[in-house]
Amino acid sequence: MRDDDYTKNSPIKQEAADKLILTTRERQCINEALKGNTLQQIAENLGISVNTVFYYLNGAQVKIAKFIRQVTR
């Protein structure tokens, strides 16, 4: 399903979608996690610490949760 399928008929939902901005690192960490990699593997692949991976994934989770709350109102 395309991103705009969720928002095409609602200006409020489109506004929320426009605000869902993940950083490059957040996207990289998510992509690595989707491949099934552990925090340690993600950290090694990206050349960052495990704590930093956790920080980026947590930040992405917060942004995505906020987005979902906005579009499901």
PDB file of N, CA and C in Angstrom:
ATOM      1  N   MET A   1       0.843  -1.163   0.000  1.00  0.00           N
ATOM      2  CA  MET A   1       0.000   0.000   0.000  1.00  0.00           C
ATOM      3  C   MET A   1       0.901   1.243   0.000  1.00  0.00           C
ATOM      4  N   ARG A   2       0.583   2.196  -0.808  1.00  0.00           N
ATOM      5  CA  ARG A   2       1.368   3.418  -0.893  1.00  0.00           C
ATOM      6  C   ARG A   2       1.046   4.339   0.270  1.00  0.00           C
ATOM      7  N   ASP A   3       2.031   5.192   0.645  1.00  0.00           N
ATOM      8  CA  ASP A   3       1.839   6.116   1.759  1.00  0.00           C
ATOM      9  C   ASP A   3       0.622   7.003   1.582  1.00  0.00           C
ATOM     10  N   ASP A   4       0.397   7.488   0.357  1.00  0.00           N
ATOM     11  CA  ASP A   4      -0.696   8.430   0.155  1.00  0.00           C
ATOM     12  C   ASP A   4      -2.062   7.758   0.132  1.00  0.00           C
ATOM     13  N   ASP A   5      -2.125   6.415   0.094  1.00  0.00           N
ATOM     14  CA  ASP A   5      -3.407   5.719   0.165  1.00  0.00           C
ATOM     15  C   ASP A   5      -4.100   5.984   1.506  1.00  0.00           C
ATOM     16  N   TYR A   6      -3.332   6.206   2.560  1.00  0.00           N
ATOM     17  CA  TYR A   6      -3.889   6.452   3.880  1.00  0.00           C
ATOM     18  C   TYR A   6      -4.437   7.863   4.017  1.00  0.00           C
ATOM     19  N   THR A   7      -3.943   8.770   3.197  1.00  0.00           N
ATOM     20  CA  THR A   7      -4.204  10.183   3.462  1.00  0.00           C
ATOM     21  C   THR A   7      -4.888  10.924   2.326  1.00  0.00           C
ATOM     22  N   LYS A   8      -5.178  10.290   1.223  1.00  0.00           N
ATOM     23  CA  LYS A   8      -5.603  11.030   0.039  1.00  0.00           C
ATOM     24  C   LYS A   8      -6.935  11.761   0.188  1.00  0.00           C
ATOM     25  N   ASN A   9      -7.812  11.325   1.077  1.00  0.00           N
ATOM     26  CA  ASN A   9      -9.114  11.976   1.204  1.00  0.00           C
ATOM     27  C   ASN A   9      -9.258  12.824   2.454  1.00  0.00           C
ATOM     28  N   SER A  10      -8.189  13.049   3.169  1.00  0.00           N
ATOM     29  CA  SER A  10      -8.302  13.801   4.415  1.00  0.00           C
ATOM     30  C   SER A  10      -7.166  14.812   4.537  1.00  0.00           C
ATOM     31  N   PRO A  11      -7.517  16.096   4.499  1.00  0.00           N
ATOM     32  CA  PRO A  11      -6.461  17.098   4.661  1.00  0.00           C
ATOM     33  C   PRO A  11      -5.792  17.032   6.029  1.00  0.00           C
ATOM     34  N   ILE A  12      -6.531  16.637   7.049  1.00  0.00           N
ATOM     35  CA  ILE A  12      -5.946  16.517   8.387  1.00  0.00           C
ATOM     36  C   ILE A  12      -4.936  15.382   8.401  1.00  0.00           C
ATOM     37  N   LYS A  13      -5.297  14.256   7.815  1.00  0.00           N
ATOM     38  CA  LYS A  13      -4.377  13.128   7.779  1.00  0.00           C
ATOM     39  C   LYS A  13      -3.164  13.432   6.902  1.00  0.00           C
ATOM     40  N   GLN A  14      -3.359  14.169   5.818  1.00  0.00           N
ATOM     41  CA  GLN A  14      -2.232  14.535   4.962  1.00  0.00           C
ATOM     42  C   GLN A  14      -1.270  15.431   5.725  1.00  0.00           C
ATOM     43  N   GLU A  15      -1.815  16.338   6.521  1.00  0.00           N
ATOM     44  CA  GLU A  15      -0.981  17.217   7.336  1.00  0.00           C
ATOM     45  C   GLU A  15      -0.141  16.390   8.312  1.00  0.00           C
ATOM     46  N   ALA A  16      -0.744  15.375   8.914  1.00  0.00           N
ATOM     47  CA  ALA A  16      -0.013  14.512   9.838  1.00  0.00           C
ATOM     48  C   ALA A  16       1.067  13.740   9.093  1.00  0.00           C
ATOM     49  N   ALA A  17       0.758  13.239   7.912  1.00  0.00           N
ATOM     50  CA  ALA A  17       1.732  12.484   7.125  1.00  0.00           C
ATOM     51  C   ALA A  17       2.911  13.355   6.755  1.00  0.00           C
ATOM     52  N   ASP A  18       2.657  14.609   6.454  1.00  0.00           N
ATOM     53  CA  ASP A  18       3.732  15.533   6.111  1.00  0.00           C
ATOM     54  C   ASP A  18       4.664  15.767   7.292  1.00  0.00           C
ATOM     55  N   LYS A  19       4.163  15.582   8.499  1.00  0.00           N
ATOM     56  CA  LYS A  19       4.971  15.801   9.698  1.00  0.00           C
ATOM     57  C   LYS A  19       5.772  14.566  10.111  1.00  0.00           C
ATOM     58  N   LEU A  20       5.505  13.412   9.513  1.00  0.00           N
ATOM     59  CA  LEU A  20       6.245  12.195   9.860  1.00  0.00           C
ATOM     60  C   LEU A  20       7.571  12.220   9.115  1.00  0.00           C
ATOM     61  N   ILE A  21       8.550  12.773   9.757  1.00  0.00           N
ATOM     62  CA  ILE A  21       9.868  12.876   9.143  1.00  0.00           C
ATOM     63  C   ILE A  21      10.849  12.099  10.012  1.00  0.00           C
ATOM     64  N   LEU A  22      11.376  11.025   9.457  1.00  0.00           N
ATOM     65  CA  LEU A  22      12.387  10.237  10.143  1.00  0.00           C
ATOM     66  C   LEU A  22      13.755  10.639   9.614  1.00  0.00           C
ATOM     67  N   THR A  23      14.740  10.659  10.509  1.00  0.00           N
ATOM     68  CA  THR A  23      16.084  10.976  10.077  1.00  0.00           C
ATOM     69  C   THR A  23      16.649   9.821   9.253  1.00  0.00           C
ATOM     70  N   THR A  24      17.719  10.111   8.560  1.00  0.00           N
ATOM     71  CA  THR A  24      18.391   9.068   7.763  1.00  0.00           C
ATOM     72  C   THR A  24      18.805   7.915   8.663  1.00  0.00           C
ATOM     73  N   ARG A  25      19.382   8.226   9.820  1.00  0.00           N
ATOM     74  CA  ARG A  25      19.825   7.171  10.736  1.00  0.00           C
ATOM     75  C   ARG A  25      18.647   6.363  11.277  1.00  0.00           C
ATOM     76  N   GLU A  26      17.552   7.019  11.578  1.00  0.00           N
ATOM     77  CA  GLU A  26      16.371   6.285  12.040  1.00  0.00           C
ATOM     78  C   GLU A  26      15.916   5.308  10.962  1.00  0.00           C
ATOM     79  N   ARG A  27      15.879   5.777   9.721  1.00  0.00           N
ATOM     80  CA  ARG A  27      15.478   4.898   8.616  1.00  0.00           C
ATOM     81  C   ARG A  27      16.466   3.746   8.432  1.00  0.00           C
ATOM     82  N   GLN A  28      17.750   4.031   8.548  1.00  0.00           N
ATOM     83  CA  GLN A  28      18.762   2.990   8.410  1.00  0.00           C
ATOM     84  C   GLN A  28      18.600   1.935   9.497  1.00  0.00           C
ATOM     85  N   CYS A  29      18.392   2.376  10.721  1.00  0.00           N
ATOM     86  CA  CYS A  29      18.216   1.431  11.834  1.00  0.00           C
ATOM     87  C   CYS A  29      16.953   0.594  11.648  1.00  0.00           C
ATOM     88  N   ILE A  30      15.879   1.221  11.213  1.00  0.00           N
ATOM     89  CA  ILE A  30      14.636   0.483  10.964  1.00  0.00           C
ATOM     90  C   ILE A  30      14.853  -0.558   9.867  1.00  0.00           C
ATOM     91  N   ASN A  31      15.497  -0.161   8.783  1.00  0.00           N
ATOM     92  CA  ASN A  31      15.751  -1.103   7.681  1.00  0.00           C
ATOM     93  C   ASN A  31      16.588  -2.281   8.138  1.00  0.00           C
ATOM     94  N   GLU A  32      17.590  -2.017   8.951  1.00  0.00           N
ATOM     95  CA  GLU A  32      18.421  -3.109   9.478  1.00  0.00           C
ATOM     96  C   GLU A  32      17.593  -4.019  10.392  1.00  0.00           C
ATOM     97  N   ALA A  33      16.741  -3.427  11.216  1.00  0.00           N
ATOM     98  CA  ALA A  33      15.890  -4.221  12.111  1.00  0.00           C
ATOM     99  C   ALA A  33      14.913  -5.074  11.302  1.00  0.00           C
ATOM    100  N   LEU A  34      14.396  -4.519  10.212  1.00  0.00           N
ATOM    101  CA  LEU A  34      13.473  -5.270   9.364  1.00  0.00           C
ATOM    102  C   LEU A  34      14.146  -6.464   8.701  1.00  0.00           C
ATOM    103  N   LYS A  35      15.448  -6.403   8.560  1.00  0.00           N
ATOM    104  CA  LYS A  35      16.214  -7.529   8.014  1.00  0.00           C
ATOM    105  C   LYS A  35      16.406  -8.623   9.061  1.00  0.00           C
ATOM    106  N   GLY A  36      15.994  -8.323  10.304  1.00  0.00           N
ATOM    107  CA  GLY A  36      16.113  -9.303  11.379  1.00  0.00           C
ATOM    108  C   GLY A  36      17.390  -9.173  12.184  1.00  0.00           C
ATOM    109  N   ASN A  37      18.120  -8.095  11.991  1.00  0.00           N
ATOM    110  CA  ASN A  37      19.371  -7.903  12.714  1.00  0.00           C
ATOM    111  C   ASN A  37      19.118  -7.503  14.158  1.00  0.00           C
ATOM    112  N   THR A  38      20.003  -7.940  15.032  1.00  0.00           N
ATOM    113  CA  THR A  38      19.943  -7.553  16.445  1.00  0.00           C
ATOM    114  C   THR A  38      20.498  -6.143  16.598  1.00  0.00           C
ATOM    115  N   LEU A  39      20.313  -5.569  17.786  1.00  0.00           N
ATOM    116  CA  LEU A  39      20.876  -4.242  18.046  1.00  0.00           C
ATOM    117  C   LEU A  39      22.392  -4.257  17.828  1.00  0.00           C
ATOM    118  N   GLN A  40      23.047  -5.308  18.293  1.00  0.00           N
ATOM    119  CA  GLN A  40      24.501  -5.425  18.132  1.00  0.00           C
ATOM    120  C   GLN A  40      24.882  -5.474  16.653  1.00  0.00           C
ATOM    121  N   GLN A  41      24.158  -6.248  15.864  1.00  0.00           N
ATOM    122  CA  GLN A  41      24.445  -6.351  14.433  1.00  0.00           C
ATOM    123  C   GLN A  41      24.208  -5.014  13.720  1.00  0.00           C
ATOM    124  N   ILE A  42      23.122  -4.337  14.086  1.00  0.00           N
ATOM    125  CA  ILE A  42      22.834  -3.033  13.491  1.00  0.00           C
ATOM    126  C   ILE A  42      23.956  -2.063  13.816  1.00  0.00           C
ATOM    127  N   ALA A  43      24.379  -2.056  15.076  1.00  0.00           N
ATOM    128  CA  ALA A  43      25.458  -1.166  15.507  1.00  0.00           C
ATOM    129  C   ALA A  43      26.733  -1.439  14.707  1.00  0.00           C
ATOM    130  N   GLU A  44      27.075  -2.690  14.539  1.00  0.00           N
ATOM    131  CA  GLU A  44      28.276  -3.048  13.781  1.00  0.00           C
ATOM    132  C   GLU A  44      28.141  -2.651  12.315  1.00  0.00           C
ATOM    133  N   ASN A  45      26.988  -2.908  11.736  1.00  0.00           N
ATOM    134  CA  ASN A  45      26.774  -2.577  10.321  1.00  0.00           C
ATOM    135  C   ASN A  45      26.844  -1.079  10.054  1.00  0.00           C
ATOM    136  N   LEU A  46      26.356  -0.290  11.009  1.00  0.00           N
ATOM    137  CA  LEU A  46      26.310   1.165  10.817  1.00  0.00           C
ATOM    138  C   LEU A  46      27.493   1.893  11.448  1.00  0.00           C
ATOM    139  N   GLY A  47      28.310   1.169  12.190  1.00  0.00           N
ATOM    140  CA  GLY A  47      29.480   1.780  12.812  1.00  0.00           C
ATOM    141  C   GLY A  47      29.144   2.718  13.952  1.00  0.00           C
ATOM    142  N   ILE A  48      28.101   2.364  14.711  1.00  0.00           N
ATOM    143  CA  ILE A  48      27.678   3.162  15.862  1.00  0.00           C
ATOM    144  C   ILE A  48      27.503   2.233  17.056  1.00  0.00           C
ATOM    145  N   SER A  49      27.286   2.800  18.241  1.00  0.00           N
ATOM    146  CA  SER A  49      27.134   1.973  19.434  1.00  0.00           C
ATOM    147  C   SER A  49      25.726   1.383  19.532  1.00  0.00           C
ATOM    148  N   VAL A  50      25.600   0.351  20.332  1.00  0.00           N
ATOM    149  CA  VAL A  50      24.292  -0.268  20.578  1.00  0.00           C
ATOM    150  C   VAL A  50      23.349   0.748  21.207  1.00  0.00           C
ATOM    151  N   ASN A  51      23.865   1.558  22.139  1.00  0.00           N
ATOM    152  CA  ASN A  51      23.022   2.580  22.774  1.00  0.00           C
ATOM    153  C   ASN A  51      22.510   3.584  21.752  1.00  0.00           C
ATOM    154  N   THR A  52      23.334   3.918  20.778  1.00  0.00           N
ATOM    155  CA  THR A  52      22.911   4.858  19.748  1.00  0.00           C
ATOM    156  C   THR A  52      21.838   4.243  18.856  1.00  0.00           C
ATOM    157  N   VAL A  53      21.978   2.965  18.533  1.00  0.00           N
ATOM    158  CA  VAL A  53      20.948   2.269  17.754  1.00  0.00           C
ATOM    159  C   VAL A  53      19.632   2.302  18.518  1.00  0.00           C
ATOM    160  N   PHE A  54      19.688   1.989  19.807  1.00  0.00           N
ATOM    161  CA  PHE A  54      18.486   2.017  20.632  1.00  0.00           C
ATOM    162  C   PHE A  54      17.871   3.411  20.624  1.00  0.00           C
ATOM    163  N   TYR A  55      18.699   4.445  20.731  1.00  0.00           N
ATOM    164  CA  TYR A  55      18.239   5.826  20.708  1.00  0.00           C
ATOM    165  C   TYR A  55      17.496   6.133  19.413  1.00  0.00           C
ATOM    166  N   TYR A  56      18.069   5.755  18.268  1.00  0.00           N
ATOM    167  CA  TYR A  56      17.438   6.029  16.980  1.00  0.00           C
ATOM    168  C   TYR A  56      16.138   5.244  16.807  1.00  0.00           C
ATOM    169  N   LEU A  57      16.131   3.979  17.199  1.00  0.00           N
ATOM    170  CA  LEU A  57      14.910   3.178  17.068  1.00  0.00           C
ATOM    171  C   LEU A  57      13.816   3.705  17.997  1.00  0.00           C
ATOM    172  N   ASN A  58      14.193   4.113  19.191  1.00  0.00           N
ATOM    173  CA  ASN A  58      13.211   4.672  20.115  1.00  0.00           C
ATOM    174  C   ASN A  58      12.645   5.979  19.568  1.00  0.00           C
ATOM    175  N   GLY A  59      13.506   6.826  19.012  1.00  0.00           N
ATOM    176  CA  GLY A  59      13.043   8.082  18.423  1.00  0.00           C
ATOM    177  C   GLY A  59      12.074   7.851  17.287  1.00  0.00           C
ATOM    178  N   ALA A  60      12.386   6.872  16.448  1.00  0.00           N
ATOM    179  CA  ALA A  60      11.497   6.538  15.330  1.00  0.00           C
ATOM    180  C   ALA A  60      10.165   6.006  15.851  1.00  0.00           C
ATOM    181  N   GLN A  61      10.222   5.185  16.883  1.00  0.00           N
ATOM    182  CA  GLN A  61       8.993   4.623  17.460  1.00  0.00           C
ATOM    183  C   GLN A  61       8.087   5.729  17.990  1.00  0.00           C
ATOM    184  N   VAL A  62       8.647   6.688  18.660  1.00  0.00           N
ATOM    185  CA  VAL A  62       7.867   7.803  19.207  1.00  0.00           C
ATOM    186  C   VAL A  62       7.204   8.583  18.074  1.00  0.00           C
ATOM    187  N   LYS A  63       7.965   8.883  17.021  1.00  0.00           N
ATOM    188  CA  LYS A  63       7.417   9.629  15.884  1.00  0.00           C
ATOM    189  C   LYS A  63       6.312   8.855  15.184  1.00  0.00           C
ATOM    190  N   ILE A  64       6.523   7.558  14.994  1.00  0.00           N
ATOM    191  CA  ILE A  64       5.528   6.730  14.304  1.00  0.00           C
ATOM    192  C   ILE A  64       4.262   6.608  15.154  1.00  0.00           C
ATOM    193  N   ALA A  65       4.412   6.433  16.463  1.00  0.00           N
ATOM    194  CA  ALA A  65       3.245   6.334  17.350  1.00  0.00           C
ATOM    195  C   ALA A  65       2.437   7.625  17.316  1.00  0.00           C
ATOM    196  N   LYS A  66       3.130   8.756  17.324  1.00  0.00           N
ATOM    197  CA  LYS A  66       2.439  10.046  17.256  1.00  0.00           C
ATOM    198  C   LYS A  66       1.689  10.178  15.938  1.00  0.00           C
ATOM    199  N   PHE A  67       2.329   9.758  14.854  1.00  0.00           N
ATOM    200  CA  PHE A  67       1.697   9.794  13.529  1.00  0.00           C
ATOM    201  C   PHE A  67       0.438   8.941  13.510  1.00  0.00           C
ATOM    202  N   ILE A  68       0.524   7.737  14.047  1.00  0.00           N
ATOM    203  CA  ILE A  68      -0.628   6.821  14.048  1.00  0.00           C
ATOM    204  C   ILE A  68      -1.780   7.413  14.859  1.00  0.00           C
ATOM    205  N   ARG A  69      -1.466   8.013  15.992  1.00  0.00           N
ATOM    206  CA  ARG A  69      -2.518   8.647  16.798  1.00  0.00           C
ATOM    207  C   ARG A  69      -3.202   9.762  16.013  1.00  0.00           C
ATOM    208  N   GLN A  70      -2.426  10.532  15.252  1.00  0.00           N
ATOM    209  CA  GLN A  70      -3.000  11.638  14.496  1.00  0.00           C
ATOM    210  C   GLN A  70      -3.866  11.165  13.343  1.00  0.00           C
ATOM    211  N   VAL A  71      -3.462  10.118  12.648  1.00  0.00           N
ATOM    212  CA  VAL A  71      -4.227   9.692  11.465  1.00  0.00           C
ATOM    213  C   VAL A  71      -5.395   8.794  11.820  1.00  0.00           C
ATOM    214  N   THR A  72      -5.456   8.303  13.031  1.00  0.00           N
ATOM    215  CA  THR A  72      -6.565   7.417  13.404  1.00  0.00           C
ATOM    216  C   THR A  72      -7.609   8.117  14.245  1.00  0.00           C
ATOM    217  N   ARG A  73      -7.501   9.409  14.382  1.00  0.00           N
ATOM    218  CA  ARG A  73      -8.506  10.164  15.152  1.00  0.00           C
ATOM    219  C   ARG A  73      -9.813  10.190  14.419  1.00  0.00           C
TER     220      ARG A  73
END
